[in-house]
Amino acid sequence: MTKDIPWQSFDASLLTEEQAQTIKMNVITEWSALPATEMFLRDNRHDSDFSAFMSIWFFEEQKHSLVLMEYLKRFSPQHAPTEQELHEVRFDFDPAPPLETLMLHF
């Protein structure tokens, strides 16, 4: 992240309170890829190919949250979500048939 993103080119003074709050909510929303992935893996245990895909999907999805979180830590640390706020998006989905699970979340 330190090499891929030119953090020095960002101007923190341009970030508004509303934008910072919106970014925080996006961080938390993107973090929910974790419980979604857990559910997909649970409900699709019989499909190794799909499970492998979900592992890659999770890795890519998690990057969104991590980059936005780093942005907040650098430019508006008071808006960075706490560990507790991130943990609160983890909950157990009820088991469901695989196709219905996909339709619900995609």
C-alpha atoms as a PDB file:
ATOM      1  CA  MET A   1       0.000   0.000   0.000  1.00  0.00           C
ATOM      2  CA  THR A   2       2.825   2.411   0.712  1.00  0.00           C
ATOM      3  CA  LYS A   3       4.235   1.950  -2.796  1.00  0.00           C
ATOM      4  CA  ASP A   4       0.990   1.565  -4.744  1.00  0.00           C
ATOM      5  CA  ILE A   5      -0.727   4.692  -3.464  1.00  0.00           C
ATOM      6  CA  PRO A   6       0.890   8.132  -3.661  1.00  0.00           C
ATOM      7  CA  TRP A   7      -0.277   9.219  -0.195  1.00  0.00           C
ATOM      8  CA  GLN A   8       1.875  12.359  -0.340  1.00  0.00           C
ATOM      9  CA  SER A   9      -0.256  13.702  -3.194  1.00  0.00           C
ATOM     10  CA  PHE A  10      -3.426  13.760  -1.057  1.00  0.00           C
ATOM     11  CA  ASP A  11      -4.507  17.036   0.528  1.00  0.00           C
ATOM     12  CA  ALA A  12      -6.228  16.316   3.850  1.00  0.00           C
ATOM     13  CA  SER A  13      -7.623  19.852   4.011  1.00  0.00           C
ATOM     14  CA  LEU A  14      -9.975  18.982   1.137  1.00  0.00           C
ATOM     15  CA  LEU A  15     -11.649  16.179   3.097  1.00  0.00           C
ATOM     16  CA  THR A  16     -14.988  17.261   4.569  1.00  0.00           C
ATOM     17  CA  GLU A  17     -16.630  15.860   7.698  1.00  0.00           C
ATOM     18  CA  GLU A  18     -19.391  14.337   5.580  1.00  0.00           C
ATOM     19  CA  GLN A  19     -16.883  12.661   3.264  1.00  0.00           C
ATOM     20  CA  ALA A  20     -14.931  11.258   6.209  1.00  0.00           C
ATOM     21  CA  GLN A  21     -18.131   9.839   7.734  1.00  0.00           C
ATOM     22  CA  THR A  22     -19.087   8.319   4.384  1.00  0.00           C
ATOM     23  CA  ILE A  23     -15.647   6.735   4.006  1.00  0.00           C
ATOM     24  CA  LYS A  24     -15.945   5.300   7.516  1.00  0.00           C
ATOM     25  CA  MET A  25     -19.299   3.725   6.657  1.00  0.00           C
ATOM     26  CA  ASN A  26     -17.797   2.317   3.459  1.00  0.00           C
ATOM     27  CA  VAL A  27     -14.903   0.811   5.441  1.00  0.00           C
ATOM     28  CA  ILE A  28     -17.364  -0.951   7.728  1.00  0.00           C
ATOM     29  CA  THR A  29     -19.538  -2.085   4.813  1.00  0.00           C
ATOM     30  CA  GLU A  30     -16.548  -3.472   2.903  1.00  0.00           C
ATOM     31  CA  TRP A  31     -15.386  -5.238   6.081  1.00  0.00           C
ATOM     32  CA  SER A  32     -18.599  -7.291   5.920  1.00  0.00           C
ATOM     33  CA  ALA A  33     -16.964  -9.347   3.164  1.00  0.00           C
ATOM     34  CA  LEU A  34     -15.628 -11.433   6.055  1.00  0.00           C
ATOM     35  CA  PRO A  35     -18.943 -12.824   7.348  1.00  0.00           C
ATOM     36  CA  ALA A  36     -20.246 -13.103   3.775  1.00  0.00           C
ATOM     37  CA  THR A  37     -17.232 -15.206   2.811  1.00  0.00           C
ATOM     38  CA  GLU A  38     -17.649 -17.374   5.883  1.00  0.00           C
ATOM     39  CA  MET A  39     -21.275 -17.984   4.877  1.00  0.00           C
ATOM     40  CA  PHE A  40     -20.416 -18.745   1.241  1.00  0.00           C
ATOM     41  CA  LEU A  41     -17.734 -21.225   2.296  1.00  0.00           C
ATOM     42  CA  ARG A  42     -20.073 -22.887   4.789  1.00  0.00           C
ATOM     43  CA  ASP A  43     -22.977 -23.213   2.344  1.00  0.00           C
ATOM     44  CA  ASN A  44     -20.820 -24.345  -0.568  1.00  0.00           C
ATOM     45  CA  ARG A  45     -18.530 -26.878   1.115  1.00  0.00           C
ATOM     46  CA  HIS A  46     -19.390 -29.351  -1.629  1.00  0.00           C
ATOM     47  CA  ASP A  47     -17.990 -27.072  -4.362  1.00  0.00           C
ATOM     48  CA  SER A  48     -14.204 -26.828  -4.117  1.00  0.00           C
ATOM     49  CA  ASP A  49     -13.887 -24.667  -7.225  1.00  0.00           C
ATOM     50  CA  PHE A  50     -16.348 -22.100  -5.906  1.00  0.00           C
ATOM     51  CA  SER A  51     -14.717 -22.178  -2.471  1.00  0.00           C
ATOM     52  CA  ALA A  52     -11.331 -21.454  -4.037  1.00  0.00           C
ATOM     53  CA  PHE A  53     -12.880 -18.551  -5.958  1.00  0.00           C
ATOM     54  CA  MET A  54     -14.427 -17.177  -2.750  1.00  0.00           C
ATOM     55  CA  SER A  55     -11.023 -17.185  -1.076  1.00  0.00           C
ATOM     56  CA  ILE A  56      -9.623 -15.034  -3.869  1.00  0.00           C
ATOM     57  CA  TRP A  57     -12.744 -12.836  -3.871  1.00  0.00           C
ATOM     58  CA  PHE A  58     -12.374 -12.232  -0.141  1.00  0.00           C
ATOM     59  CA  PHE A  59      -8.710 -11.291  -0.499  1.00  0.00           C
ATOM     60  CA  GLU A  60      -9.602  -8.735  -3.173  1.00  0.00           C
ATOM     61  CA  GLU A  61     -12.658  -7.384  -1.329  1.00  0.00           C
ATOM     62  CA  GLN A  62     -10.738  -6.939   1.910  1.00  0.00           C
ATOM     63  CA  LYS A  63      -8.285  -4.628   0.147  1.00  0.00           C
ATOM     64  CA  HIS A  64     -11.073  -2.054  -0.339  1.00  0.00           C
ATOM     65  CA  SER A  65     -11.636  -1.798   3.377  1.00  0.00           C
ATOM     66  CA  LEU A  66      -7.950  -1.792   4.250  1.00  0.00           C
ATOM     67  CA  VAL A  67      -7.087   1.013   1.823  1.00  0.00           C
ATOM     68  CA  LEU A  68      -9.988   3.185   2.967  1.00  0.00           C
ATOM     69  CA  MET A  69      -9.045   2.520   6.584  1.00  0.00           C
ATOM     70  CA  GLU A  70      -5.460   3.559   5.889  1.00  0.00           C
ATOM     71  CA  TYR A  71      -6.747   6.736   4.229  1.00  0.00           C
ATOM     72  CA  LEU A  72      -8.722   7.622   7.351  1.00  0.00           C
ATOM     73  CA  LYS A  73      -5.817   6.815   9.673  1.00  0.00           C
ATOM     74  CA  ARG A  74      -3.598   9.172   7.701  1.00  0.00           C
ATOM     75  CA  PHE A  75      -6.003  12.027   6.974  1.00  0.00           C
ATOM     76  CA  SER A  76      -8.817  11.827   9.518  1.00  0.00           C
ATOM     77  CA  PRO A  77      -7.807   9.433  12.307  1.00  0.00           C
ATOM     78  CA  GLN A  78     -10.775  10.368  14.484  1.00  0.00           C
ATOM     79  CA  HIS A  79     -13.007   8.730  11.840  1.00  0.00           C
ATOM     80  CA  ALA A  80     -11.107   5.459  11.559  1.00  0.00           C
ATOM     81  CA  PRO A  81     -13.382   2.655  12.744  1.00  0.00           C
ATOM     82  CA  THR A  82     -12.538   0.906  15.975  1.00  0.00           C
ATOM     83  CA  GLU A  83     -11.909  -2.818  16.245  1.00  0.00           C
ATOM     84  CA  GLN A  84     -15.281  -3.094  17.986  1.00  0.00           C
ATOM     85  CA  GLU A  85     -17.101  -1.348  15.141  1.00  0.00           C
ATOM     86  CA  LEU A  86     -15.497  -3.708  12.645  1.00  0.00           C
ATOM     87  CA  HIS A  87     -16.257  -6.743  14.794  1.00  0.00           C
ATOM     88  CA  GLU A  88     -19.945  -5.793  14.982  1.00  0.00           C
ATOM     89  CA  VAL A  89     -20.461  -6.674  11.300  1.00  0.00           C
ATOM     90  CA  ARG A  90     -19.592 -10.291  12.072  1.00  0.00           C
ATOM     91  CA  PHE A  91     -22.668 -12.346  12.644  1.00  0.00           C
ATOM     92  CA  ASP A  92     -23.862 -15.798  11.696  1.00  0.00           C
ATOM     93  CA  PHE A  93     -26.115 -16.098   8.693  1.00  0.00           C
ATOM     94  CA  ASP A  94     -28.700 -18.844   8.835  1.00  0.00           C
ATOM     95  CA  PRO A  95     -27.720 -21.794   6.644  1.00  0.00           C
ATOM     96  CA  ALA A  96     -29.249 -21.627   3.198  1.00  0.00           C
ATOM     97  CA  PRO A  97     -29.138 -23.556  -0.054  1.00  0.00           C
ATOM     98  CA  PRO A  98     -26.156 -22.411  -2.160  1.00  0.00           C
ATOM     99  CA  LEU A  99     -28.093 -20.762  -4.999  1.00  0.00           C
ATOM    100  CA  GLU A 100     -30.338 -18.824  -2.650  1.00  0.00           C
ATOM    101  CA  THR A 101     -27.257 -17.700  -0.718  1.00  0.00           C
ATOM    102  CA  LEU A 102     -25.703 -16.307  -3.893  1.00  0.00           C
ATOM    103  CA  MET A 103     -28.900 -14.577  -4.990  1.00  0.00           C
ATOM    104  CA  LEU A 104     -29.243 -12.912  -1.605  1.00  0.00           C
ATOM    105  CA  HIS A 105     -25.750 -11.428  -1.639  1.00  0.00           C
ATOM    106  CA  PHE A 106     -24.943 -10.699  -5.293  1.00  0.00           C
END
